[in-house]
Amino acid sequence: MSILVDPPLWPRHGRVWGHLVSDASLEELHTFATRAGIPRRGFDLDHYDVPAERYGDLIALGAVLVDSRDLVRRLRASGLRVTARDRRG
């Protein structure tokens, strides 16, 4: 059971963003995000969007930096992955 972050690679709103996920449960993810001070508005169905400047704090709290492919692979294996098709409704 891990909290994972992938490298911040996605520019938006003048910042560069990455993703924070749990490979165990959404409850674990929300608990970690609350502890890290990440607002709930950053949650997008299966992950939180997090800005690059927060990465040091997240890793200090126990998040594990993994590449984007590993993050998606582990999220799928957990059964928590929400696909693009499912996001559109």
PDB file of N, CA and C in Angstrom:
ATOM      1  N   MET A   1       0.844  -1.169   0.000  1.00  0.00           N
ATOM      2  CA  MET A   1       0.000   0.000   0.000  1.00  0.00           C
ATOM      3  C   MET A   1       0.892   1.236   0.000  1.00  0.00           C
ATOM      4  N   SER A   2       0.756   2.027  -1.042  1.00  0.00           N
ATOM      5  CA  SER A   2       1.617   3.197  -1.162  1.00  0.00           C
ATOM      6  C   SER A   2       0.862   4.400  -1.698  1.00  0.00           C
ATOM      7  N   ILE A   3       1.355   5.554  -1.308  1.00  0.00           N
ATOM      8  CA  ILE A   3       0.958   6.797  -1.941  1.00  0.00           C
ATOM      9  C   ILE A   3       2.049   7.101  -2.951  1.00  0.00           C
ATOM     10  N   LEU A   4       1.649   7.367  -4.177  1.00  0.00           N
ATOM     11  CA  LEU A   4       2.592   7.538  -5.279  1.00  0.00           C
ATOM     12  C   LEU A   4       2.420   8.912  -5.920  1.00  0.00           C
ATOM     13  N   VAL A   5       3.525   9.470  -6.412  1.00  0.00           N
ATOM     14  CA  VAL A   5       3.497  10.676  -7.235  1.00  0.00           C
ATOM     15  C   VAL A   5       4.325  10.404  -8.478  1.00  0.00           C
ATOM     16  N   ASP A   6       3.871  10.937  -9.596  1.00  0.00           N
ATOM     17  CA  ASP A   6       4.679  10.841 -10.817  1.00  0.00           C
ATOM     18  C   ASP A   6       5.329  12.193 -11.068  1.00  0.00           C
ATOM     19  N   PRO A   7       6.321  12.246 -11.936  1.00  0.00           N
ATOM     20  CA  PRO A   7       7.018  13.517 -12.174  1.00  0.00           C
ATOM     21  C   PRO A   7       6.064  14.601 -12.668  1.00  0.00           C
ATOM     22  N   PRO A   8       6.240  15.816 -12.180  1.00  0.00           N
ATOM     23  CA  PRO A   8       5.400  16.923 -12.655  1.00  0.00           C
ATOM     24  C   PRO A   8       5.800  17.291 -14.083  1.00  0.00           C
ATOM     25  N   LEU A   9       4.910  17.020 -15.031  1.00  0.00           N
ATOM     26  CA  LEU A   9       5.200  17.225 -16.446  1.00  0.00           C
ATOM     27  C   LEU A   9       4.142  18.039 -17.186  1.00  0.00           C
ATOM     28  N   TRP A  10       3.018  18.345 -16.536  1.00  0.00           N
ATOM     29  CA  TRP A  10       1.882  18.930 -17.235  1.00  0.00           C
ATOM     30  C   TRP A  10       1.702  20.391 -16.857  1.00  0.00           C
ATOM     31  N   PRO A  11       2.000  21.320 -17.796  1.00  0.00           N
ATOM     32  CA  PRO A  11       1.851  22.748 -17.499  1.00  0.00           C
ATOM     33  C   PRO A  11       0.378  23.180 -17.548  1.00  0.00           C
ATOM     34  N   ARG A  12       0.009  24.012 -16.590  1.00  0.00           N
ATOM     35  CA  ARG A  12      -1.342  24.576 -16.555  1.00  0.00           C
ATOM     36  C   ARG A  12      -1.380  25.668 -15.492  1.00  0.00           C
ATOM     37  N   HIS A  13      -2.028  26.763 -15.811  1.00  0.00           N
ATOM     38  CA  HIS A  13      -2.197  27.866 -14.862  1.00  0.00           C
ATOM     39  C   HIS A  13      -0.859  28.397 -14.350  1.00  0.00           C
ATOM     40  N   GLY A  14       0.158  28.423 -15.207  1.00  0.00           N
ATOM     41  CA  GLY A  14       1.439  28.973 -14.821  1.00  0.00           C
ATOM     42  C   GLY A  14       2.272  28.102 -13.901  1.00  0.00           C
ATOM     43  N   ARG A  15       1.879  26.844 -13.760  1.00  0.00           N
ATOM     44  CA  ARG A  15       2.597  25.885 -12.908  1.00  0.00           C
ATOM     45  C   ARG A  15       2.782  24.598 -13.694  1.00  0.00           C
ATOM     46  N   VAL A  16       3.579  23.698 -13.130  1.00  0.00           N
ATOM     47  CA  VAL A  16       3.726  22.366 -13.708  1.00  0.00           C
ATOM     48  C   VAL A  16       3.181  21.375 -12.672  1.00  0.00           C
ATOM     49  N   TRP A  17       2.344  20.451 -13.152  1.00  0.00           N
ATOM     50  CA  TRP A  17       1.586  19.566 -12.270  1.00  0.00           C
ATOM     51  C   TRP A  17       1.927  18.100 -12.499  1.00  0.00           C
ATOM     52  N   GLY A  18       1.718  17.316 -11.457  1.00  0.00           N
ATOM     53  CA  GLY A  18       1.799  15.860 -11.525  1.00  0.00           C
ATOM     54  C   GLY A  18       0.602  15.282 -10.797  1.00  0.00           C
ATOM     55  N   HIS A  19       0.661  13.977 -10.539  1.00  0.00           N
ATOM     56  CA  HIS A  19      -0.473  13.269  -9.957  1.00  0.00           C
ATOM     57  C   HIS A  19      -0.086  12.567  -8.667  1.00  0.00           C
ATOM     58  N   LEU A  20      -1.006  12.572  -7.727  1.00  0.00           N
ATOM     59  CA  LEU A  20      -0.867  11.877  -6.456  1.00  0.00           C
ATOM     60  C   LEU A  20      -1.955  10.822  -6.403  1.00  0.00           C
ATOM     61  N   VAL A  21      -1.578   9.554  -6.183  1.00  0.00           N
ATOM     62  CA  VAL A  21      -2.547   8.459  -6.149  1.00  0.00           C
ATOM     63  C   VAL A  21      -2.236   7.519  -4.987  1.00  0.00           C
ATOM     64  N   SER A  22      -3.195   6.673  -4.697  1.00  0.00           N
ATOM     65  CA  SER A  22      -2.990   5.545  -3.791  1.00  0.00           C
ATOM     66  C   SER A  22      -3.131   4.273  -4.605  1.00  0.00           C
ATOM     67  N   ASP A  23      -2.312   3.281  -4.288  1.00  0.00           N
ATOM     68  CA  ASP A  23      -2.485   1.979  -4.939  1.00  0.00           C
ATOM     69  C   ASP A  23      -3.276   1.032  -4.050  1.00  0.00           C
ATOM     70  N   ALA A  24      -3.951   1.612  -3.020  1.00  0.00           N
ATOM     71  CA  ALA A  24      -4.730   0.780  -2.100  1.00  0.00           C
ATOM     72  C   ALA A  24      -6.188   1.217  -1.997  1.00  0.00           C
ATOM     73  N   SER A  25      -6.427   2.506  -1.730  1.00  0.00           N
ATOM     74  CA  SER A  25      -7.810   2.954  -1.541  1.00  0.00           C
ATOM     75  C   SER A  25      -7.916   4.467  -1.673  1.00  0.00           C
ATOM     76  N   LEU A  26      -9.101   4.915  -2.030  1.00  0.00           N
ATOM     77  CA  LEU A  26      -9.353   6.356  -2.075  1.00  0.00           C
ATOM     78  C   LEU A  26      -9.331   6.952  -0.667  1.00  0.00           C
ATOM     79  N   GLU A  27      -9.737   6.170   0.309  1.00  0.00           N
ATOM     80  CA  GLU A  27      -9.687   6.644   1.694  1.00  0.00           C
ATOM     81  C   GLU A  27      -8.241   6.968   2.090  1.00  0.00           C
ATOM     82  N   GLU A  28      -7.310   6.073   1.741  1.00  0.00           N
ATOM     83  CA  GLU A  28      -5.896   6.323   2.027  1.00  0.00           C
ATOM     84  C   GLU A  28      -5.428   7.595   1.313  1.00  0.00           C
ATOM     85  N   LEU A  29      -5.840   7.756   0.065  1.00  0.00           N
ATOM     86  CA  LEU A  29      -5.453   8.928  -0.721  1.00  0.00           C
ATOM     87  C   LEU A  29      -5.981  10.210  -0.098  1.00  0.00           C
ATOM     88  N   HIS A  30      -7.262  10.242   0.252  1.00  0.00           N
ATOM     89  CA  HIS A  30      -7.853  11.442   0.844  1.00  0.00           C
ATOM     90  C   HIS A  30      -7.221  11.766   2.204  1.00  0.00           C
ATOM     91  N   THR A  31      -6.945  10.750   2.989  1.00  0.00           N
ATOM     92  CA  THR A  31      -6.305  10.958   4.292  1.00  0.00           C
ATOM     93  C   THR A  31      -4.933  11.580   4.121  1.00  0.00           C
ATOM     94  N   PHE A  32      -4.157  11.055   3.174  1.00  0.00           N
ATOM     95  CA  PHE A  32      -2.832  11.597   2.911  1.00  0.00           C
ATOM     96  C   PHE A  32      -2.934  13.033   2.411  1.00  0.00           C
ATOM     97  N   ALA A  33      -3.828  13.286   1.472  1.00  0.00           N
ATOM     98  CA  ALA A  33      -3.986  14.628   0.909  1.00  0.00           C
ATOM     99  C   ALA A  33      -4.368  15.626   1.998  1.00  0.00           C
ATOM    100  N   THR A  34      -5.256  15.249   2.884  1.00  0.00           N
ATOM    101  CA  THR A  34      -5.650  16.123   3.989  1.00  0.00           C
ATOM    102  C   THR A  34      -4.439  16.423   4.873  1.00  0.00           C
ATOM    103  N   ARG A  35      -3.685  15.391   5.215  1.00  0.00           N
ATOM    104  CA  ARG A  35      -2.487  15.557   6.036  1.00  0.00           C
ATOM    105  C   ARG A  35      -1.474  16.485   5.364  1.00  0.00           C
ATOM    106  N   ALA A  36      -1.404  16.417   4.020  1.00  0.00           N
ATOM    107  CA  ALA A  36      -0.447  17.228   3.261  1.00  0.00           C
ATOM    108  C   ALA A  36      -0.973  18.629   2.971  1.00  0.00           C
ATOM    109  N   GLY A  37      -2.231  18.892   3.321  1.00  0.00           N
ATOM    110  CA  GLY A  37      -2.812  20.211   3.070  1.00  0.00           C
ATOM    111  C   GLY A  37      -3.217  20.436   1.628  1.00  0.00           C
ATOM    112  N   ILE A  38      -3.479  19.362   0.903  1.00  0.00           N
ATOM    113  CA  ILE A  38      -3.923  19.476  -0.489  1.00  0.00           C
ATOM    114  C   ILE A  38      -5.438  19.630  -0.492  1.00  0.00           C
ATOM    115  N   PRO A  39      -5.952  20.685  -1.106  1.00  0.00           N
ATOM    116  CA  PRO A  39      -7.405  20.906  -1.087  1.00  0.00           C
ATOM    117  C   PRO A  39      -8.169  19.861  -1.893  1.00  0.00           C
ATOM    118  N   ARG A  40      -9.356  19.564  -1.449  1.00  0.00           N
ATOM    119  CA  ARG A  40     -10.200  18.555  -2.101  1.00  0.00           C
ATOM    120  C   ARG A  40     -10.505  18.930  -3.554  1.00  0.00           C
ATOM    121  N   ARG A  41     -10.503  20.209  -3.879  1.00  0.00           N
ATOM    122  CA  ARG A  41     -10.780  20.619  -5.259  1.00  0.00           C
ATOM    123  C   ARG A  41      -9.727  20.085  -6.229  1.00  0.00           C
ATOM    124  N   GLY A  42      -8.569  19.632  -5.713  1.00  0.00           N
ATOM    125  CA  GLY A  42      -7.529  19.049  -6.556  1.00  0.00           C
ATOM    126  C   GLY A  42      -7.779  17.597  -6.911  1.00  0.00           C
ATOM    127  N   PHE A  43      -8.856  17.003  -6.379  1.00  0.00           N
ATOM    128  CA  PHE A  43      -9.162  15.591  -6.623  1.00  0.00           C
ATOM    129  C   PHE A  43      -9.910  15.425  -7.937  1.00  0.00           C
ATOM    130  N   ASP A  44      -9.471  14.467  -8.747  1.00  0.00           N
ATOM    131  CA  ASP A  44     -10.087  14.203 -10.057  1.00  0.00           C
ATOM    132  C   ASP A  44     -10.380  12.708 -10.206  1.00  0.00           C
ATOM    133  N   LEU A  45     -11.345  12.224  -9.460  1.00  0.00           N
ATOM    134  CA  LEU A  45     -11.908  10.871  -9.530  1.00  0.00           C
ATOM    135  C   LEU A  45     -10.978   9.747  -9.073  1.00  0.00           C
ATOM    136  N   ASP A  46      -9.698   9.783  -9.425  1.00  0.00           N
ATOM    137  CA  ASP A  46      -8.782   8.731  -8.966  1.00  0.00           C
ATOM    138  C   ASP A  46      -7.417   9.278  -8.567  1.00  0.00           C
ATOM    139  N   HIS A  47      -7.254  10.598  -8.626  1.00  0.00           N
ATOM    140  CA  HIS A  47      -5.968  11.200  -8.290  1.00  0.00           C
ATOM    141  C   HIS A  47      -6.161  12.654  -7.867  1.00  0.00           C
ATOM    142  N   TYR A  48      -5.133  13.181  -7.233  1.00  0.00           N
ATOM    143  CA  TYR A  48      -5.047  14.612  -6.978  1.00  0.00           C
ATOM    144  C   TYR A  48      -4.033  15.189  -7.941  1.00  0.00           C
ATOM    145  N   ASP A  49      -4.334  16.355  -8.490  1.00  0.00           N
ATOM    146  CA  ASP A  49      -3.344  17.118  -9.243  1.00  0.00           C
ATOM    147  C   ASP A  49      -2.544  17.917  -8.222  1.00  0.00           C
ATOM    148  N   VAL A  50      -1.214  17.836  -8.314  1.00  0.00           N
ATOM    149  CA  VAL A  50      -0.362  18.535  -7.357  1.00  0.00           C
ATOM    150  C   VAL A  50       0.733  19.304  -8.100  1.00  0.00           C
ATOM    151  N   PRO A  51       1.003  20.531  -7.660  1.00  0.00           N
ATOM    152  CA  PRO A  51       2.026  21.333  -8.326  1.00  0.00           C
ATOM    153  C   PRO A  51       3.432  20.884  -7.935  1.00  0.00           C
ATOM    154  N   ALA A  52       4.370  21.113  -8.836  1.00  0.00           N
ATOM    155  CA  ALA A  52       5.754  20.675  -8.645  1.00  0.00           C
ATOM    156  C   ALA A  52       6.343  21.176  -7.326  1.00  0.00           C
ATOM    157  N   GLU A  53       5.985  22.382  -6.924  1.00  0.00           N
ATOM    158  CA  GLU A  53       6.595  22.928  -5.713  1.00  0.00           C
ATOM    159  C   GLU A  53       6.183  22.203  -4.433  1.00  0.00           C
ATOM    160  N   ARG A  54       5.199  21.336  -4.489  1.00  0.00           N
ATOM    161  CA  ARG A  54       4.761  20.560  -3.314  1.00  0.00           C
ATOM    162  C   ARG A  54       5.462  19.206  -3.199  1.00  0.00           C
ATOM    163  N   TYR A  55       6.226  18.812  -4.205  1.00  0.00           N
ATOM    164  CA  TYR A  55       6.799  17.465  -4.229  1.00  0.00           C
ATOM    165  C   TYR A  55       7.716  17.158  -3.056  1.00  0.00           C
ATOM    166  N   GLY A  56       8.539  18.108  -2.656  1.00  0.00           N
ATOM    167  CA  GLY A  56       9.419  17.880  -1.509  1.00  0.00           C
ATOM    168  C   GLY A  56       8.624  17.541  -0.260  1.00  0.00           C
ATOM    169  N   ASP A  57       7.537  18.291  -0.021  1.00  0.00           N
ATOM    170  CA  ASP A  57       6.679  18.038   1.135  1.00  0.00           C
ATOM    171  C   ASP A  57       6.018  16.669   1.047  1.00  0.00           C
ATOM    172  N   LEU A  58       5.527  16.316  -0.142  1.00  0.00           N
ATOM    173  CA  LEU A  58       4.819  15.043  -0.310  1.00  0.00           C
ATOM    174  C   LEU A  58       5.756  13.863  -0.072  1.00  0.00           C
ATOM    175  N   ILE A  59       6.955  13.958  -0.597  1.00  0.00           N
ATOM    176  CA  ILE A  59       7.925  12.877  -0.412  1.00  0.00           C
ATOM    177  C   ILE A  59       8.355  12.797   1.051  1.00  0.00           C
ATOM    178  N   ALA A  60       8.514  13.940   1.701  1.00  0.00           N
ATOM    179  CA  ALA A  60       8.858  13.948   3.122  1.00  0.00           C
ATOM    180  C   ALA A  60       7.772  13.287   3.970  1.00  0.00           C
ATOM    181  N   LEU A  61       6.514  13.390   3.524  1.00  0.00           N
ATOM    182  CA  LEU A  61       5.399  12.757   4.232  1.00  0.00           C
ATOM    183  C   LEU A  61       5.255  11.271   3.896  1.00  0.00           C
ATOM    184  N   GLY A  62       6.042  10.782   2.916  1.00  0.00           N
ATOM    185  CA  GLY A  62       6.017   9.354   2.618  1.00  0.00           C
ATOM    186  C   GLY A  62       5.576   8.973   1.225  1.00  0.00           C
ATOM    187  N   ALA A  63       5.207   9.940   0.382  1.00  0.00           N
ATOM    188  CA  ALA A  63       4.849   9.603  -1.001  1.00  0.00           C
ATOM    189  C   ALA A  63       6.093   9.086  -1.723  1.00  0.00           C
ATOM    190  N   VAL A  64       5.880   8.174  -2.648  1.00  0.00           N
ATOM    191  CA  VAL A  64       6.970   7.559  -3.400  1.00  0.00           C
ATOM    192  C   VAL A  64       6.923   8.073  -4.838  1.00  0.00           C
ATOM    193  N   LEU A  65       8.040   8.623  -5.305  1.00  0.00           N
ATOM    194  CA  LEU A  65       8.131   9.113  -6.676  1.00  0.00           C
ATOM    195  C   LEU A  65       8.351   7.931  -7.619  1.00  0.00           C
ATOM    196  N   VAL A  66       7.456   7.788  -8.596  1.00  0.00           N
ATOM    197  CA  VAL A  66       7.558   6.725  -9.607  1.00  0.00           C
ATOM    198  C   VAL A  66       7.338   7.361 -10.973  1.00  0.00           C
ATOM    199  N   ASP A  67       7.767   6.679 -12.027  1.00  0.00           N
ATOM    200  CA  ASP A  67       7.502   7.243 -13.347  1.00  0.00           C
ATOM    201  C   ASP A  67       6.016   7.106 -13.668  1.00  0.00           C
ATOM    202  N   SER A  68       5.584   7.873 -14.653  1.00  0.00           N
ATOM    203  CA  SER A  68       4.156   7.935 -14.985  1.00  0.00           C
ATOM    204  C   SER A  68       3.594   6.582 -15.396  1.00  0.00           C
ATOM    205  N   ARG A  69       4.361   5.798 -16.118  1.00  0.00           N
ATOM    206  CA  ARG A  69       3.879   4.475 -16.534  1.00  0.00           C
ATOM    207  C   ARG A  69       3.639   3.566 -15.341  1.00  0.00           C
ATOM    208  N   ASP A  70       4.567   3.596 -14.382  1.00  0.00           N
ATOM    209  CA  ASP A  70       4.413   2.768 -13.188  1.00  0.00           C
ATOM    210  C   ASP A  70       3.216   3.226 -12.368  1.00  0.00           C
ATOM    211  N   LEU A  71       3.025   4.543 -12.266  1.00  0.00           N
ATOM    212  CA  LEU A  71       1.881   5.060 -11.523  1.00  0.00           C
ATOM    213  C   LEU A  71       0.576   4.546 -12.127  1.00  0.00           C
ATOM    214  N   VAL A  72       0.430   4.630 -13.439  1.00  0.00           N
ATOM    215  CA  VAL A  72      -0.800   4.172 -14.102  1.00  0.00           C
ATOM    216  C   VAL A  72      -0.939   2.660 -13.959  1.00  0.00           C
ATOM    217  N   ARG A  73       0.145   1.926 -14.119  1.00  0.00           N
ATOM    218  CA  ARG A  73       0.098   0.468 -13.980  1.00  0.00           C
ATOM    219  C   ARG A  73      -0.378   0.068 -12.589  1.00  0.00           C
ATOM    220  N   ARG A  74       0.160   0.715 -11.575  1.00  0.00           N
ATOM    221  CA  ARG A  74      -0.219   0.385 -10.197  1.00  0.00           C
ATOM    222  C   ARG A  74      -1.639   0.845  -9.876  1.00  0.00           C
ATOM    223  N   LEU A  75      -2.053   1.954 -10.450  1.00  0.00           N
ATOM    224  CA  LEU A  75      -3.420   2.425 -10.248  1.00  0.00           C
ATOM    225  C   LEU A  75      -4.413   1.469 -10.899  1.00  0.00           C
ATOM    226  N   ARG A  76      -4.106   1.005 -12.103  1.00  0.00           N
ATOM    227  CA  ARG A  76      -4.968   0.004 -12.754  1.00  0.00           C
ATOM    228  C   ARG A  76      -5.043  -1.279 -11.940  1.00  0.00           C
ATOM    229  N   ALA A  77      -3.896  -1.770 -11.485  1.00  0.00           N
ATOM    230  CA  ALA A  77      -3.849  -3.014 -10.711  1.00  0.00           C
ATOM    231  C   ALA A  77      -4.665  -2.900  -9.425  1.00  0.00           C
ATOM    232  N   SER A  78      -4.769  -1.702  -8.876  1.00  0.00           N
ATOM    233  CA  SER A  78      -5.528  -1.501  -7.643  1.00  0.00           C
ATOM    234  C   SER A  78      -7.037  -1.526  -7.877  1.00  0.00           C
ATOM    235  N   GLY A  79      -7.441  -1.352  -9.154  1.00  0.00           N
ATOM    236  CA  GLY A  79      -8.864  -1.267  -9.470  1.00  0.00           C
ATOM    237  C   GLY A  79      -9.432   0.131  -9.290  1.00  0.00           C
ATOM    238  N   LEU A  80      -8.587   1.104  -8.979  1.00  0.00           N
ATOM    239  CA  LEU A  80      -9.058   2.472  -8.728  1.00  0.00           C
ATOM    240  C   LEU A  80      -8.997   3.373  -9.955  1.00  0.00           C
ATOM    241  N   ARG A  81      -8.367   2.933 -11.024  1.00  0.00           N
ATOM    242  CA  ARG A  81      -8.181   3.762 -12.223  1.00  0.00           C
ATOM    243  C   ARG A  81      -9.527   4.112 -12.851  1.00  0.00           C
ATOM    244  N   VAL A  82      -9.701   5.388 -13.168  1.00  0.00           N
ATOM    245  CA  VAL A  82     -10.871   5.866 -13.890  1.00  0.00           C
ATOM    246  C   VAL A  82     -10.379   6.214 -15.299  1.00  0.00           C
ATOM    247  N   THR A  83     -10.946   5.576 -16.305  1.00  0.00           N
ATOM    248  CA  THR A  83     -10.496   5.796 -17.681  1.00  0.00           C
ATOM    249  C   THR A  83     -11.039   7.112 -18.240  1.00  0.00           C
ATOM    250  N   ALA A  84     -10.420   7.570 -19.319  1.00  0.00           N
ATOM    251  CA  ALA A  84     -10.882   8.795 -19.979  1.00  0.00           C
ATOM    252  C   ALA A  84     -12.338   8.654 -20.407  1.00  0.00           C
ATOM    253  N   ARG A  85     -12.705   7.487 -20.902  1.00  0.00           N
ATOM    254  CA  ARG A  85     -14.092   7.255 -21.323  1.00  0.00           C
ATOM    255  C   ARG A  85     -15.038   7.383 -20.133  1.00  0.00           C
ATOM    256  N   ASP A  86     -14.650   6.843 -18.983  1.00  0.00           N
ATOM    257  CA  ASP A  86     -15.486   6.944 -17.790  1.00  0.00           C
ATOM    258  C   ASP A  86     -15.569   8.371 -17.259  1.00  0.00           C
ATOM    259  N   ARG A  87     -14.534   9.168 -17.490  1.00  0.00           N
ATOM    260  CA  ARG A  87     -14.535  10.560 -17.056  1.00  0.00           C
ATOM    261  C   ARG A  87     -15.550  11.387 -17.826  1.00  0.00           C
ATOM    262  N   ARG A  88     -15.742  11.053 -19.093  1.00  0.00           N
ATOM    263  CA  ARG A  88     -16.701  11.788 -19.939  1.00  0.00           C
ATOM    264  C   ARG A  88     -18.142  11.480 -19.571  1.00  0.00           C
ATOM    265  N   GLY A  89     -18.341  10.347 -18.915  1.00  0.00           N
ATOM    266  CA  GLY A  89     -19.681   9.974 -18.497  1.00  0.00           C
ATOM    267  C   GLY A  89     -20.435   9.362 -19.594  1.00  0.00           C
TER     268      GLY A  89
END
